[in-house]
Structures are given as C-alpha cells and as structure tokens.
Amino acid sequence: MQSMHQLANETRVPAWRNGDFFNHLSAAALADLESMIFPSSCPAHTVLFTETQPSAGIVVVLEGEIKLSMNSSDGRRLSLRIAKAGEVLGLAATLSGTPYEDTADTLYPAKIAHISRHAFLQFLTRHPDAYQAVARDMAHRFSGACEHLRTVGLSASVPEKLARLLLDWSDADQKSETGSRCRLSLTHEQIGEFIGASRETVTRTLSSFKHRRLVDMHGSMLTIPSRTALASCAGN
C-alpha cells in the first residue's frame, strides 16, 4: 500500500502549472496544451532565441530562470526581466509571425518546452477561448515593459533605479516577518544591465545600501528589512 507521502508526490502539481497563463485556460485547453509539452534540459547560459530570429514558436519555462534582454549592434545590452517557471515566452512573435522582440538565455540550468508556431496556432484554433489567456498575458508583459522603461529612462539616479529593481524582485519572490527576500545570484555587471549602470556603480550603490541597513546579504540571499525604507530611495 502506498504511503500518504508517496501519494502526495504523485499528485503534486508541477510549479509551471501554477503559472498565470495556465491558470486562465479551460480544463480542455490545458489538457490539450499539456499534451504538447515535452521537457528539454538546457545548461546555464544557453540562448533559446534572439531578437533577430524569425519566430519558431513559444517557449514554456518549466524550471529555472530565463533572462530576457535586448542587444545593440555595438554590444550594449539592456536586460528586461527574469522569467520563471510557468511563464510563456515568445507569444507576441508567435502570433504575429515576426522575429522575436528580445533575446532569451538561461541564467542557470533550466528545463523548458518548445511548442512550434504551427502547433500553437492550431491549438488556438481548437480552443478560441484560450485567446483570453494569451491577451491577458501579453497585456501583463506590456505593462511590465512600460514600468521597466519608466524605471530605466525616468528614474533620476542609480540608487533610485536599483532600489526599484530590488523591490520588484523581492516582491515577486517571498516575504516574511523579517522582511522581503530574493535570490541575487547575478553578478554586479549583470545587475547593471537591468538599470543601465556600470558594474562599479552597482557595487558602490549596494555597499551604500548595506551600510545604511537598507539591504542585507547572506550568500546569494538578499533581505530587505524594511520595504518602506528602501522604497524611500526609489521615490515611492
């Protein structure tokens, strides 16, 4: 006879199934889409697609973290956000048939599933109600892109930009009685790519935050003791 622990493990829902996109699909659409998901493991720093590449379909993040960025011809890079389990990448390009609007690469070893453009469009034909989930997801991403543009383009200083970024990351991660926390395994150079700042400037700003006890670092875990205090640096 199976133990309760064994039964719980067998019925445990994968983390990606809790993604907002999947939560807004009908049961029939979810089952159909899930039948097309074949997991593929990717090493760290694997490029999944680039902004110059014609759309080949969507990428479902099953495990790990995927960095989305835009790159200039002279080598400059602006990182946009970090996608996690349950997110669907490349929706806009897949629907329009245009090249991907950004570049996606794995930060750490990850597990993804690729669904071809043809297969996904056929899925939408079978389940037209799924367009609501698609529209909702694309609207959410557009809103997030506008907020990121506001932070990078309109924030007055690097401390303000970095404070906003850390608040956003910690809000999406976890909160506790001792404050908000997030994993910060990126290098200072990679953090700088999210806010248009140099590695040296990010290092100085983080040191200032730690000295003022606005943040605390233990290994790769960053803790924000008081979101109110850090928000004051972000101009909120």
Protein backbone atom coordinates (compact mmCIF):
# COMPACT_ATOMS: atom_id res chain seq x y z
CA MET A 1 0.00 0.00 0.00
CA GLN A 2 1.30 3.45 -0.89
CA SER A 3 2.02 5.89 1.90
CA MET A 4 0.37 9.31 2.09
CA HIS A 5 3.78 10.84 1.26
CA GLN A 6 4.04 8.76 -1.93
CA LEU A 7 0.51 9.70 -2.99
CA ALA A 8 1.23 13.37 -2.35
CA ASN A 9 4.34 13.23 -4.51
CA GLU A 10 2.44 11.56 -7.35
CA THR A 11 -0.35 14.13 -7.29
CA ARG A 12 1.86 17.16 -6.77
CA VAL A 13 1.22 19.79 -9.44
CA PRO A 14 4.41 20.93 -11.24
CA ALA A 15 5.37 24.52 -10.45
CA TRP A 16 4.93 25.63 -14.06
CA ARG A 17 1.26 24.58 -13.98
CA ASN A 18 0.66 27.35 -11.42
CA GLY A 19 1.71 30.00 -13.93
CA ASP A 20 -0.81 32.75 -14.58
CA PHE A 21 -1.18 31.79 -18.24
CA PHE A 22 -2.12 28.18 -17.43
CA ASN A 23 -4.45 29.21 -14.62
CA HIS A 24 -6.60 31.06 -17.15
CA LEU A 25 -7.03 28.16 -19.57
CA SER A 26 -10.11 25.96 -19.59
CA ALA A 27 -9.62 22.37 -18.45
CA ALA A 28 -9.87 21.13 -22.03
CA ALA A 29 -7.38 23.69 -23.35
CA LEU A 30 -4.96 22.98 -20.51
CA ALA A 31 -5.04 19.24 -21.13
CA ASP A 32 -4.51 19.78 -24.87
CA LEU A 33 -1.58 22.16 -24.36
CA GLU A 34 -0.01 19.91 -21.74
CA SER A 35 -0.01 17.03 -24.23
CA MET A 36 2.34 19.12 -26.42
CA ILE A 37 4.86 19.82 -23.67
CA PHE A 38 8.00 17.72 -23.92
CA PRO A 39 10.62 18.83 -21.35
CA SER A 40 14.12 19.64 -22.53
CA SER A 41 17.06 20.37 -20.22
CA CYS A 42 19.34 23.31 -21.00
CA PRO A 43 22.71 24.18 -19.45
CA ALA A 44 23.31 27.63 -17.97
CA HIS A 45 23.83 30.45 -20.49
CA THR A 46 22.00 28.66 -23.30
CA VAL A 47 20.47 31.08 -25.81
CA LEU A 48 16.88 29.96 -26.50
CA PHE A 49 16.13 32.61 -29.14
CA THR A 50 17.34 36.05 -30.21
CA GLU A 51 15.59 39.25 -31.28
CA THR A 52 16.84 38.79 -34.85
CA GLN A 53 15.48 35.26 -35.18
CA PRO A 54 12.21 34.53 -37.02
CA SER A 55 9.62 33.16 -34.62
CA ALA A 56 9.74 29.38 -34.36
CA GLY A 57 7.09 29.15 -31.64
CA ILE A 58 6.66 29.62 -27.91
CA VAL A 59 8.92 28.52 -25.07
CA VAL A 60 7.36 27.34 -21.81
CA VAL A 61 9.59 27.73 -18.76
CA LEU A 62 9.25 24.54 -16.71
CA GLU A 63 12.13 25.02 -14.27
CA GLY A 64 14.88 27.59 -13.76
CA GLU A 65 15.23 31.24 -14.68
CA ILE A 66 15.44 32.81 -18.13
CA LYS A 67 16.87 36.29 -18.69
CA LEU A 68 15.20 38.40 -21.36
CA SER A 69 17.28 41.19 -22.88
CA MET A 70 17.75 43.46 -25.88
CA ASN A 71 21.13 43.96 -27.50
CA SER A 72 22.55 46.69 -29.71
CA SER A 73 24.84 46.20 -32.69
CA ASP A 74 27.75 47.70 -30.72
CA GLY A 75 27.45 45.14 -27.91
CA ARG A 76 25.43 47.08 -25.36
CA ARG A 77 22.75 45.13 -23.52
CA LEU A 78 19.62 46.09 -21.63
CA SER A 79 18.18 43.27 -19.54
CA LEU A 80 14.40 43.46 -19.28
CA ARG A 81 13.30 40.86 -16.75
CA ILE A 82 13.80 37.34 -15.46
CA ALA A 83 11.19 34.76 -16.44
CA LYS A 84 10.50 31.87 -14.09
CA ALA A 85 8.59 28.58 -14.09
CA GLY A 86 5.10 28.89 -15.52
CA GLU A 87 5.85 31.71 -17.94
CA VAL A 88 5.34 31.50 -21.69
CA LEU A 89 7.89 33.30 -23.85
CA GLY A 90 7.56 34.47 -27.44
CA LEU A 91 3.77 34.82 -27.55
CA ALA A 92 3.66 38.11 -29.49
CA ALA A 93 6.15 36.97 -32.13
CA THR A 94 4.42 33.61 -32.49
CA LEU A 95 1.04 35.23 -33.09
CA SER A 96 2.32 37.88 -35.50
CA GLY A 97 4.89 35.77 -37.33
CA THR A 98 7.52 38.46 -36.79
CA PRO A 99 11.02 37.97 -35.29
CA TYR A 100 11.30 37.68 -31.53
CA GLU A 101 11.40 41.10 -29.88
CA ASP A 102 14.04 40.11 -27.33
CA THR A 103 16.74 37.55 -26.55
CA ALA A 104 16.19 34.74 -24.05
CA ASP A 105 19.01 32.85 -22.37
CA THR A 106 19.18 30.64 -19.29
CA LEU A 107 20.79 32.07 -16.17
CA TYR A 108 21.24 28.64 -14.61
CA PRO A 109 20.49 25.07 -15.74
CA ALA A 110 16.83 25.10 -16.74
CA LYS A 111 14.10 22.93 -18.15
CA ILE A 112 11.94 24.26 -20.97
CA ALA A 113 9.45 23.05 -23.56
CA HIS A 114 9.24 24.36 -27.11
CA ILE A 115 5.93 24.34 -28.97
CA SER A 116 6.18 25.18 -32.67
CA ARG A 117 4.32 28.15 -34.11
CA HIS A 118 2.19 25.90 -36.31
CA ALA A 119 1.23 23.65 -33.38
CA PHE A 120 0.39 26.60 -31.12
CA LEU A 121 -1.75 28.33 -33.77
CA GLN A 122 -3.60 25.05 -34.32
CA PHE A 123 -4.13 24.84 -30.56
CA LEU A 124 -5.72 28.31 -30.59
CA THR A 125 -7.97 27.24 -33.48
CA ARG A 126 -9.19 24.30 -31.41
CA HIS A 127 -9.60 26.42 -28.27
CA PRO A 128 -10.51 30.01 -29.24
CA ASP A 129 -11.28 30.73 -25.57
CA ALA A 130 -7.52 30.47 -24.95
CA TYR A 131 -7.08 33.81 -26.73
CA GLN A 132 -8.26 35.42 -23.49
CA ALA A 133 -5.31 33.90 -21.63
CA VAL A 134 -2.98 35.00 -24.44
CA ALA A 135 -4.32 38.56 -24.40
CA ARG A 136 -4.12 38.74 -20.62
CA ASP A 137 -0.52 37.53 -20.62
CA MET A 138 0.57 39.91 -23.37
CA ALA A 139 -1.11 42.86 -21.63
CA HIS A 140 0.67 41.98 -18.40
CA ARG A 141 4.03 41.81 -20.19
CA PHE A 142 3.39 45.13 -21.92
CA SER A 143 2.57 46.76 -18.59
CA GLY A 144 5.76 45.33 -17.08
CA ALA A 145 7.83 46.57 -20.02
CA CYS A 146 6.39 50.08 -19.60
CA GLU A 147 7.21 50.04 -15.90
CA HIS A 148 10.76 48.89 -16.61
CA LEU A 149 11.16 51.62 -19.24
CA ARG A 150 9.90 54.16 -16.71
CA THR A 151 12.47 52.97 -14.17
CA VAL A 152 15.43 52.96 -16.58
CA GLY A 153 14.52 56.09 -18.53
CA LEU A 154 12.90 58.36 -15.97
CA SER A 155 14.44 57.50 -12.59
CA ALA A 156 16.78 60.27 -11.52
CA SER A 157 19.66 58.23 -10.10
CA VAL A 158 21.22 54.78 -9.94
CA PRO A 159 20.20 54.32 -6.25
CA GLU A 160 16.60 55.01 -7.25
CA LYS A 161 16.79 52.56 -10.16
CA LEU A 162 18.46 49.84 -8.09
CA ALA A 163 16.02 50.27 -5.21
CA ARG A 164 13.08 49.88 -7.59
CA LEU A 165 14.66 46.77 -9.14
CA LEU A 166 15.31 45.10 -5.78
CA LEU A 167 11.80 45.88 -4.57
CA ASP A 168 10.35 44.38 -7.73
CA TRP A 169 12.45 41.21 -7.49
CA SER A 170 11.73 40.69 -3.79
CA ASP A 171 8.01 41.31 -4.27
CA ALA A 172 7.93 38.52 -6.85
CA ASP A 173 9.85 36.16 -4.57
CA GLN A 174 9.00 35.81 -0.90
CA LYS A 175 8.05 37.84 2.15
CA SER A 176 8.44 37.00 5.82
CA GLU A 177 8.20 38.61 9.21
CA THR A 178 11.80 39.74 8.85
CA GLY A 179 11.20 41.47 5.52
CA SER A 180 11.28 40.64 1.83
CA ARG A 181 13.84 38.28 0.35
CA CYS A 182 15.10 37.33 -3.08
CA ARG A 183 17.92 35.28 -4.54
CA LEU A 184 20.56 37.54 -6.05
CA SER A 185 22.99 35.25 -7.85
CA LEU A 186 23.66 37.71 -10.67
CA THR A 187 26.98 39.47 -10.94
CA HIS A 188 27.08 43.22 -10.38
CA GLU A 189 27.67 43.63 -14.10
CA GLN A 190 24.52 41.64 -14.88
CA ILE A 191 22.51 43.68 -12.37
CA GLY A 192 23.78 46.83 -14.06
CA GLU A 193 22.37 45.62 -17.38
CA PHE A 194 18.87 45.88 -15.89
CA ILE A 195 19.24 49.55 -14.96
CA GLY A 196 21.79 50.88 -17.45
CA ALA A 197 24.61 51.23 -14.90
CA SER A 198 28.23 50.09 -14.77
CA ARG A 199 29.45 47.26 -12.57
CA GLU A 200 31.43 49.70 -10.41
CA THR A 201 28.38 51.89 -9.83
CA VAL A 202 26.23 48.92 -8.82
CA THR A 203 28.94 47.76 -6.40
CA ARG A 204 29.15 51.19 -4.76
CA THR A 205 25.38 51.52 -4.53
CA LEU A 206 24.88 48.09 -3.00
CA SER A 207 27.64 48.82 -0.47
CA SER A 208 25.87 52.05 0.45
CA PHE A 209 22.55 50.20 0.85
CA LYS A 210 24.19 47.63 3.14
CA HIS A 211 25.92 50.34 5.19
CA ARG A 212 22.57 52.10 5.66
CA ARG A 213 20.96 48.74 6.51
CA LEU A 214 18.51 49.04 3.67
CA VAL A 215 19.52 45.54 2.50
CA ASP A 216 21.36 42.60 3.99
CA MET A 217 23.27 39.91 2.09
CA HIS A 218 23.91 36.31 3.17
CA GLY A 219 25.50 34.43 0.31
CA SER A 220 23.18 34.83 -2.66
CA MET A 221 20.15 35.70 -0.50
CA LEU A 222 19.29 39.39 -0.25
CA THR A 223 16.94 40.54 2.50
CA ILE A 224 15.13 43.89 2.65
CA PRO A 225 14.41 44.51 6.36
CA SER A 226 12.03 47.38 5.60
CA ARG A 227 10.41 47.79 2.21
CA THR A 228 9.23 51.25 3.30
CA ALA A 229 12.79 52.40 3.93
CA LEU A 230 14.09 51.11 0.60
CA ALA A 231 11.03 52.48 -1.20
CA SER A 232 12.01 55.95 0.01
CA CYS A 233 15.18 55.58 -2.09
CA ALA A 234 13.06 54.54 -5.06
CA GLY A 235 11.00 57.70 -4.89
CA ASN A 236 7.82 55.84 -3.86
